[in-house]
């Protein structure tokens, strides 16, 4: 995102200078020149993000799987069990869908962001604004996108860990788990705090019914939910 921001600002500034109706247009209309410029930026950065997604979508999933597996193995070890996880069909399906989701999320960034950038540039052309005002607007837009990307990244770690843990629980025949709040979020969900305080036990296949959401959910499933699942092993006190 930082590299894309530098490229977009530099490219638009070079084409814009102080009079976009002259320097951007040249032998074509300002609107046509603008579309050509933005189309070129979109193509370049969609290709960049696609290459990035192909590598980091898989790398993210590998890391998430490792973290989830180590966490569950540690909990089982404390309970006196030693397990070696395998790549079952169910877990393979989770792996594939997680990679696909990460790739799609990463690839969606440039088209969505540059669509907003193009809208800002169009408005600036129509309003006759100078390049300084446009740069400030674009920098603010990139700031919003970076914060959104940070939120998505953190959220995806929680979601991936939750999905992987659930698949491993089912693989091991662990049918029940306890809801535990992480106490990490700035604005905790009241129902999740209550579930953790009351040591709510839920079914690992169907989840826990959240009275606020009015549906069954799993720890880490909702956006910015950092709650975790504590596996309950029969015969071992929780």
C-alpha atoms as a PDB file:
ATOM      1  CA  UNK A   1       0.000   0.000   0.000  1.00  0.00           C
ATOM      2  CA  UNK A   2       2.831   2.395   0.824  1.00  0.00           C
ATOM      3  CA  UNK A   3       4.496   1.695  -2.530  1.00  0.00           C
ATOM      4  CA  UNK A   4       1.204   2.081  -4.354  1.00  0.00           C
ATOM      5  CA  UNK A   5       0.565   5.376  -2.579  1.00  0.00           C
ATOM      6  CA  UNK A   6       3.967   6.750  -3.638  1.00  0.00           C
ATOM      7  CA  UNK A   7       3.444   5.628  -7.235  1.00  0.00           C
ATOM      8  CA  UNK A   8      -0.104   6.996  -7.505  1.00  0.00           C
ATOM      9  CA  UNK A   9       0.784  10.376  -5.971  1.00  0.00           C
ATOM     10  CA  UNK A  10       3.889  10.738  -8.154  1.00  0.00           C
ATOM     11  CA  UNK A  11       2.047   9.692 -11.339  1.00  0.00           C
ATOM     12  CA  UNK A  12      -0.940  11.959 -10.748  1.00  0.00           C
ATOM     13  CA  UNK A  13       1.296  14.875  -9.736  1.00  0.00           C
ATOM     14  CA  UNK A  14       3.419  14.566 -12.882  1.00  0.00           C
ATOM     15  CA  UNK A  15       0.332  14.531 -15.084  1.00  0.00           C
ATOM     16  CA  UNK A  16      -1.384  17.266 -13.121  1.00  0.00           C
ATOM     17  CA  UNK A  17       1.110  19.978 -12.168  1.00  0.00           C
ATOM     18  CA  UNK A  18      -0.870  23.173 -11.610  1.00  0.00           C
ATOM     19  CA  UNK A  19      -3.300  23.066 -14.529  1.00  0.00           C
ATOM     20  CA  UNK A  20      -4.818  19.638 -15.182  1.00  0.00           C
ATOM     21  CA  UNK A  21      -6.940  20.883 -18.057  1.00  0.00           C
ATOM     22  CA  UNK A  22      -3.721  21.595 -20.004  1.00  0.00           C
ATOM     23  CA  UNK A  23      -1.066  19.182 -18.744  1.00  0.00           C
ATOM     24  CA  UNK A  24      -3.338  16.153 -18.332  1.00  0.00           C
ATOM     25  CA  UNK A  25      -5.132  16.519 -21.606  1.00  0.00           C
ATOM     26  CA  UNK A  26      -2.544  17.381 -24.286  1.00  0.00           C
ATOM     27  CA  UNK A  27      -4.132  16.020 -27.505  1.00  0.00           C
ATOM     28  CA  UNK A  28      -7.108  14.355 -25.829  1.00  0.00           C
ATOM     29  CA  UNK A  29      -9.897  15.435 -23.509  1.00  0.00           C
ATOM     30  CA  UNK A  30      -9.091  15.637 -19.769  1.00  0.00           C
ATOM     31  CA  UNK A  31     -11.637  12.893 -19.056  1.00  0.00           C
ATOM     32  CA  UNK A  32     -10.112  10.532 -21.630  1.00  0.00           C
ATOM     33  CA  UNK A  33      -6.574  11.227 -20.402  1.00  0.00           C
ATOM     34  CA  UNK A  34      -7.677  10.657 -16.847  1.00  0.00           C
ATOM     35  CA  UNK A  35      -9.292   7.311 -17.681  1.00  0.00           C
ATOM     36  CA  UNK A  36      -6.159   6.201 -19.532  1.00  0.00           C
ATOM     37  CA  UNK A  37      -3.940   7.190 -16.618  1.00  0.00           C
ATOM     38  CA  UNK A  38      -6.086   5.437 -14.007  1.00  0.00           C
ATOM     39  CA  UNK A  39      -6.527   2.332 -16.174  1.00  0.00           C
ATOM     40  CA  UNK A  40      -2.744   2.051 -16.432  1.00  0.00           C
ATOM     41  CA  UNK A  41      -2.311   2.415 -12.667  1.00  0.00           C
ATOM     42  CA  UNK A  42      -5.027  -0.179 -12.019  1.00  0.00           C
ATOM     43  CA  UNK A  43      -3.484  -2.726 -14.396  1.00  0.00           C
ATOM     44  CA  UNK A  44      -0.029  -2.308 -12.906  1.00  0.00           C
ATOM     45  CA  UNK A  45      -1.115  -2.530  -9.292  1.00  0.00           C
ATOM     46  CA  UNK A  46      -3.636  -5.314  -9.783  1.00  0.00           C
ATOM     47  CA  UNK A  47      -0.763  -7.342 -11.257  1.00  0.00           C
ATOM     48  CA  UNK A  48       1.511  -6.402  -8.326  1.00  0.00           C
ATOM     49  CA  UNK A  49      -1.100  -7.381  -5.744  1.00  0.00           C
ATOM     50  CA  UNK A  50      -1.925 -10.624  -7.576  1.00  0.00           C
ATOM     51  CA  UNK A  51       1.743 -11.657  -7.431  1.00  0.00           C
ATOM     52  CA  UNK A  52       1.917 -10.651  -3.768  1.00  0.00           C
ATOM     53  CA  UNK A  53      -1.292 -12.547  -2.957  1.00  0.00           C
ATOM     54  CA  UNK A  54      -0.067 -15.763  -4.589  1.00  0.00           C
ATOM     55  CA  UNK A  55       2.909 -15.878  -2.208  1.00  0.00           C
ATOM     56  CA  UNK A  56       1.548 -14.336   0.965  1.00  0.00           C
ATOM     57  CA  UNK A  57      -1.881 -15.967   0.877  1.00  0.00           C
ATOM     58  CA  UNK A  58      -0.205 -19.363   1.258  1.00  0.00           C
ATOM     59  CA  UNK A  59       2.447 -18.062   3.663  1.00  0.00           C
ATOM     60  CA  UNK A  60      -0.193 -16.515   5.912  1.00  0.00           C
ATOM     61  CA  UNK A  61      -2.192 -19.752   5.952  1.00  0.00           C
ATOM     62  CA  UNK A  62       0.897 -21.833   6.746  1.00  0.00           C
ATOM     63  CA  UNK A  63       1.724 -19.557   9.680  1.00  0.00           C
ATOM     64  CA  UNK A  64      -1.870 -19.549  10.951  1.00  0.00           C
ATOM     65  CA  UNK A  65      -2.021 -23.354  10.784  1.00  0.00           C
ATOM     66  CA  UNK A  66       1.242 -23.622  12.701  1.00  0.00           C
ATOM     67  CA  UNK A  67       0.085 -21.252  15.442  1.00  0.00           C
ATOM     68  CA  UNK A  68      -3.279 -22.967  15.843  1.00  0.00           C
ATOM     69  CA  UNK A  69      -1.769 -26.456  15.887  1.00  0.00           C
ATOM     70  CA  UNK A  70       0.929 -25.528  18.399  1.00  0.00           C
ATOM     71  CA  UNK A  71      -1.636 -23.899  20.686  1.00  0.00           C
ATOM     72  CA  UNK A  72      -3.889 -26.942  20.655  1.00  0.00           C
ATOM     73  CA  UNK A  73      -0.990 -29.400  21.038  1.00  0.00           C
ATOM     74  CA  UNK A  74       0.272 -27.450  24.044  1.00  0.00           C
ATOM     75  CA  UNK A  75      -3.144 -27.601  25.679  1.00  0.00           C
ATOM     76  CA  UNK A  76      -3.382 -31.341  25.022  1.00  0.00           C
ATOM     77  CA  UNK A  77       0.138 -31.886  26.329  1.00  0.00           C
ATOM     78  CA  UNK A  78      -0.813 -30.222  29.607  1.00  0.00           C
ATOM     79  CA  UNK A  79      -3.720 -32.651  29.835  1.00  0.00           C
ATOM     80  CA  UNK A  80      -1.338 -35.577  29.330  1.00  0.00           C
ATOM     81  CA  UNK A  81      -1.958 -36.239  25.631  1.00  0.00           C
ATOM     82  CA  UNK A  82       0.518 -36.237  22.782  1.00  0.00           C
ATOM     83  CA  UNK A  83      -0.876 -35.938  19.261  1.00  0.00           C
ATOM     84  CA  UNK A  84       0.527 -35.610  15.783  1.00  0.00           C
ATOM     85  CA  UNK A  85      -1.756 -33.780  13.398  1.00  0.00           C
ATOM     86  CA  UNK A  86      -2.263 -34.994   9.839  1.00  0.00           C
ATOM     87  CA  UNK A  87      -3.715 -33.314   6.762  1.00  0.00           C
ATOM     88  CA  UNK A  88      -7.150 -34.943   6.664  1.00  0.00           C
ATOM     89  CA  UNK A  89      -9.642 -34.130   3.922  1.00  0.00           C
ATOM     90  CA  UNK A  90     -11.548 -31.797   6.235  1.00  0.00           C
ATOM     91  CA  UNK A  91      -8.379 -29.969   7.248  1.00  0.00           C
ATOM     92  CA  UNK A  92      -7.254 -29.826   3.604  1.00  0.00           C
ATOM     93  CA  UNK A  93     -10.564 -28.195   2.716  1.00  0.00           C
ATOM     94  CA  UNK A  94     -10.029 -25.638   5.484  1.00  0.00           C
ATOM     95  CA  UNK A  95      -6.497 -25.003   4.203  1.00  0.00           C
ATOM     96  CA  UNK A  96      -7.680 -24.482   0.620  1.00  0.00           C
ATOM     97  CA  UNK A  97     -10.553 -22.186   1.556  1.00  0.00           C
ATOM     98  CA  UNK A  98      -8.316 -20.130   3.875  1.00  0.00           C
ATOM     99  CA  UNK A  99      -5.699 -19.634   1.150  1.00  0.00           C
ATOM    100  CA  UNK A 100      -8.425 -18.685  -1.333  1.00  0.00           C
ATOM    101  CA  UNK A 101      -9.951 -16.156   1.057  1.00  0.00           C
ATOM    102  CA  UNK A 102      -6.588 -14.495   1.763  1.00  0.00           C
ATOM    103  CA  UNK A 103      -5.701 -14.322  -1.938  1.00  0.00           C
ATOM    104  CA  UNK A 104      -9.069 -12.778  -2.816  1.00  0.00           C
ATOM    105  CA  UNK A 105      -8.849 -10.229  -0.001  1.00  0.00           C
ATOM    106  CA  UNK A 106      -5.377  -9.102  -1.057  1.00  0.00           C
ATOM    107  CA  UNK A 107      -6.273  -8.970  -4.754  1.00  0.00           C
ATOM    108  CA  UNK A 108      -9.357  -6.850  -4.039  1.00  0.00           C
ATOM    109  CA  UNK A 109      -7.349  -4.005  -2.495  1.00  0.00           C
ATOM    110  CA  UNK A 110      -6.086  -2.126  -5.599  1.00  0.00           C
ATOM    111  CA  UNK A 111      -9.340  -2.150  -7.575  1.00  0.00           C
ATOM    112  CA  UNK A 112     -11.385  -0.879  -4.623  1.00  0.00           C
ATOM    113  CA  UNK A 113      -8.848   1.735  -3.535  1.00  0.00           C
ATOM    114  CA  UNK A 114      -7.973   3.016  -7.006  1.00  0.00           C
ATOM    115  CA  UNK A 115     -11.664   3.285  -7.830  1.00  0.00           C
ATOM    116  CA  UNK A 116     -11.949   5.715  -4.910  1.00  0.00           C
ATOM    117  CA  UNK A 117      -8.779   7.514  -6.043  1.00  0.00           C
ATOM    118  CA  UNK A 118     -10.205   7.954  -9.544  1.00  0.00           C
ATOM    119  CA  UNK A 119     -13.395   9.411  -8.075  1.00  0.00           C
ATOM    120  CA  UNK A 120     -11.378  11.959  -6.072  1.00  0.00           C
ATOM    121  CA  UNK A 121      -9.347  12.902  -9.154  1.00  0.00           C
ATOM    122  CA  UNK A 122     -12.523  13.331 -11.228  1.00  0.00           C
ATOM    123  CA  UNK A 123     -14.011  15.627  -8.610  1.00  0.00           C
ATOM    124  CA  UNK A 124     -10.771  17.622  -8.458  1.00  0.00           C
ATOM    125  CA  UNK A 125     -10.758  18.068 -12.250  1.00  0.00           C
ATOM    126  CA  UNK A 126     -14.367  19.256 -12.237  1.00  0.00           C
ATOM    127  CA  UNK A 127     -13.733  21.628  -9.330  1.00  0.00           C
ATOM    128  CA  UNK A 128     -10.512  22.987 -10.823  1.00  0.00           C
ATOM    129  CA  UNK A 129      -8.504  22.173  -7.706  1.00  0.00           C
ATOM    130  CA  UNK A 130      -4.702  22.343  -7.625  1.00  0.00           C
ATOM    131  CA  UNK A 131      -2.427  19.351  -7.147  1.00  0.00           C
ATOM    132  CA  UNK A 132      -1.707  20.215  -3.504  1.00  0.00           C
ATOM    133  CA  UNK A 133      -5.343  19.900  -2.509  1.00  0.00           C
ATOM    134  CA  UNK A 134      -5.712  16.667  -4.451  1.00  0.00           C
ATOM    135  CA  UNK A 135      -2.582  15.154  -2.866  1.00  0.00           C
ATOM    136  CA  UNK A 136      -3.946  15.873   0.603  1.00  0.00           C
ATOM    137  CA  UNK A 137      -7.249  14.191  -0.262  1.00  0.00           C
ATOM    138  CA  UNK A 138      -5.492  11.144  -1.707  1.00  0.00           C
ATOM    139  CA  UNK A 139      -3.155  10.850   1.272  1.00  0.00           C
ATOM    140  CA  UNK A 140      -6.185  10.833   3.563  1.00  0.00           C
ATOM    141  CA  UNK A 141      -7.816   8.139   1.417  1.00  0.00           C
ATOM    142  CA  UNK A 142      -4.700   5.973   1.557  1.00  0.00           C
ATOM    143  CA  UNK A 143      -4.602   6.478   5.336  1.00  0.00           C
ATOM    144  CA  UNK A 144      -8.142   5.145   5.632  1.00  0.00           C
ATOM    145  CA  UNK A 145      -7.231   2.157   3.430  1.00  0.00           C
ATOM    146  CA  UNK A 146      -4.125   1.355   5.474  1.00  0.00           C
ATOM    147  CA  UNK A 147      -6.127   1.363   8.705  1.00  0.00           C
ATOM    148  CA  UNK A 148      -8.737  -0.855   7.082  1.00  0.00           C
ATOM    149  CA  UNK A 149      -6.001  -3.221   5.871  1.00  0.00           C
ATOM    150  CA  UNK A 150      -4.579  -3.388   9.413  1.00  0.00           C
ATOM    151  CA  UNK A 151      -8.014  -4.272  10.778  1.00  0.00           C
ATOM    152  CA  UNK A 152      -8.570  -6.934   8.121  1.00  0.00           C
ATOM    153  CA  UNK A 153      -5.123  -8.451   8.723  1.00  0.00           C
ATOM    154  CA  UNK A 154      -5.655  -8.781  12.483  1.00  0.00           C
ATOM    155  CA  UNK A 155      -9.182 -10.058  11.967  1.00  0.00           C
ATOM    156  CA  UNK A 156      -8.084 -12.691   9.464  1.00  0.00           C
ATOM    157  CA  UNK A 157      -5.519 -14.069  11.910  1.00  0.00           C
ATOM    158  CA  UNK A 158      -8.287 -14.611  14.470  1.00  0.00           C
ATOM    159  CA  UNK A 159     -10.685 -16.092  11.914  1.00  0.00           C
ATOM    160  CA  UNK A 160      -8.113 -18.460  10.437  1.00  0.00           C
ATOM    161  CA  UNK A 161      -6.980 -19.640  13.872  1.00  0.00           C
ATOM    162  CA  UNK A 162     -10.596 -20.255  14.917  1.00  0.00           C
ATOM    163  CA  UNK A 163     -11.456 -22.243  11.789  1.00  0.00           C
ATOM    164  CA  UNK A 164      -8.292 -24.349  11.998  1.00  0.00           C
ATOM    165  CA  UNK A 165      -8.774 -25.044  15.711  1.00  0.00           C
ATOM    166  CA  UNK A 166     -12.361 -26.146  15.096  1.00  0.00           C
ATOM    167  CA  UNK A 167     -11.268 -28.515  12.314  1.00  0.00           C
ATOM    168  CA  UNK A 168      -8.604 -30.028  14.586  1.00  0.00           C
ATOM    169  CA  UNK A 169     -11.072 -30.401  17.464  1.00  0.00           C
ATOM    170  CA  UNK A 170     -13.449 -32.340  15.253  1.00  0.00           C
ATOM    171  CA  UNK A 171     -10.569 -34.401  13.888  1.00  0.00           C
ATOM    172  CA  UNK A 172      -9.669 -35.429  17.446  1.00  0.00           C
ATOM    173  CA  UNK A 173     -13.265 -36.064  18.466  1.00  0.00           C
ATOM    174  CA  UNK A 174     -13.386 -33.073  20.823  1.00  0.00           C
ATOM    175  CA  UNK A 175     -17.074 -32.207  20.860  1.00  0.00           C
ATOM    176  CA  UNK A 176     -17.143 -29.484  23.517  1.00  0.00           C
ATOM    177  CA  UNK A 177     -15.170 -26.338  24.233  1.00  0.00           C
ATOM    178  CA  UNK A 178     -15.316 -23.411  26.622  1.00  0.00           C
ATOM    179  CA  UNK A 179     -15.635 -19.828  25.417  1.00  0.00           C
ATOM    180  CA  UNK A 180     -12.833 -17.592  26.664  1.00  0.00           C
ATOM    181  CA  UNK A 181     -12.613 -13.849  26.141  1.00  0.00           C
ATOM    182  CA  UNK A 182      -9.160 -12.534  25.280  1.00  0.00           C
ATOM    183  CA  UNK A 183      -9.588  -9.136  26.996  1.00  0.00           C
ATOM    184  CA  UNK A 184      -7.575  -7.663  24.095  1.00  0.00           C
ATOM    185  CA  UNK A 185     -10.207  -5.617  22.278  1.00  0.00           C
ATOM    186  CA  UNK A 186     -10.803  -1.948  23.049  1.00  0.00           C
ATOM    187  CA  UNK A 187     -14.579  -2.348  22.929  1.00  0.00           C
ATOM    188  CA  UNK A 188     -15.396  -5.879  24.097  1.00  0.00           C
ATOM    189  CA  UNK A 189     -18.732  -7.413  23.215  1.00  0.00           C
ATOM    190  CA  UNK A 190     -20.831  -7.674  26.375  1.00  0.00           C
ATOM    191  CA  UNK A 191     -22.253 -11.068  25.424  1.00  0.00           C
ATOM    192  CA  UNK A 192     -18.742 -12.467  24.867  1.00  0.00           C
ATOM    193  CA  UNK A 193     -17.545 -11.150  28.226  1.00  0.00           C
ATOM    194  CA  UNK A 194     -20.553 -12.771  29.868  1.00  0.00           C
ATOM    195  CA  UNK A 195     -19.954 -16.074  28.072  1.00  0.00           C
ATOM    196  CA  UNK A 196     -16.354 -16.119  29.299  1.00  0.00           C
ATOM    197  CA  UNK A 197     -17.285 -15.073  32.846  1.00  0.00           C
ATOM    198  CA  UNK A 198     -20.008 -17.750  33.030  1.00  0.00           C
ATOM    199  CA  UNK A 199     -17.628 -20.364  31.571  1.00  0.00           C
ATOM    200  CA  UNK A 200     -20.074 -21.147  28.768  1.00  0.00           C
ATOM    201  CA  UNK A 201     -19.527 -24.534  27.128  1.00  0.00           C
ATOM    202  CA  UNK A 202     -20.532 -24.933  23.495  1.00  0.00           C
ATOM    203  CA  UNK A 203     -20.643 -27.651  20.861  1.00  0.00           C
ATOM    204  CA  UNK A 204     -17.615 -27.522  18.553  1.00  0.00           C
ATOM    205  CA  UNK A 205     -19.758 -28.412  15.547  1.00  0.00           C
ATOM    206  CA  UNK A 206     -22.709 -26.059  16.010  1.00  0.00           C
ATOM    207  CA  UNK A 207     -21.132 -23.237  18.049  1.00  0.00           C
ATOM    208  CA  UNK A 208     -22.563 -21.001  20.769  1.00  0.00           C
ATOM    209  CA  UNK A 209     -25.786 -19.008  20.447  1.00  0.00           C
ATOM    210  CA  UNK A 210     -24.897 -15.343  20.879  1.00  0.00           C
ATOM    211  CA  UNK A 211     -27.995 -13.577  22.270  1.00  0.00           C
ATOM    212  CA  UNK A 212     -26.822 -10.215  20.906  1.00  0.00           C
ATOM    213  CA  UNK A 213     -26.097 -11.500  17.400  1.00  0.00           C
ATOM    214  CA  UNK A 214     -29.127 -13.819  17.534  1.00  0.00           C
ATOM    215  CA  UNK A 215     -27.245 -16.626  15.842  1.00  0.00           C
ATOM    216  CA  UNK A 216     -24.725 -19.360  16.547  1.00  0.00           C
ATOM    217  CA  UNK A 217     -21.094 -18.337  16.253  1.00  0.00           C
ATOM    218  CA  UNK A 218     -17.578 -19.522  17.112  1.00  0.00           C
ATOM    219  CA  UNK A 219     -14.750 -17.697  18.906  1.00  0.00           C
ATOM    220  CA  UNK A 220     -12.893 -15.371  16.545  1.00  0.00           C
ATOM    221  CA  UNK A 221     -15.598 -15.548  13.877  1.00  0.00           C
ATOM    222  CA  UNK A 222     -17.048 -12.040  14.156  1.00  0.00           C
ATOM    223  CA  UNK A 223     -14.986  -9.056  13.060  1.00  0.00           C
ATOM    224  CA  UNK A 224     -12.527  -7.927  15.753  1.00  0.00           C
ATOM    225  CA  UNK A 225     -13.498 -10.859  17.970  1.00  0.00           C
ATOM    226  CA  UNK A 226     -10.358 -12.162  19.667  1.00  0.00           C
ATOM    227  CA  UNK A 227     -12.049 -14.760  21.846  1.00  0.00           C
ATOM    228  CA  UNK A 228     -10.561 -18.248  21.864  1.00  0.00           C
ATOM    229  CA  UNK A 229     -11.761 -21.816  22.199  1.00  0.00           C
ATOM    230  CA  UNK A 230     -10.627 -23.908  25.177  1.00  0.00           C
ATOM    231  CA  UNK A 231     -11.014 -27.582  24.291  1.00  0.00           C
ATOM    232  CA  UNK A 232     -12.734 -29.792  26.834  1.00  0.00           C
ATOM    233  CA  UNK A 233     -11.340 -33.312  26.988  1.00  0.00           C
ATOM    234  CA  UNK A 234     -13.508 -35.946  28.622  1.00  0.00           C
ATOM    235  CA  UNK A 235     -12.125 -37.127  31.917  1.00  0.00           C
ATOM    236  CA  UNK A 236      -9.930 -34.057  32.344  1.00  0.00           C
ATOM    237  CA  UNK A 237     -11.082 -31.235  34.597  1.00  0.00           C
ATOM    238  CA  UNK A 238     -11.421 -27.892  32.791  1.00  0.00           C
END
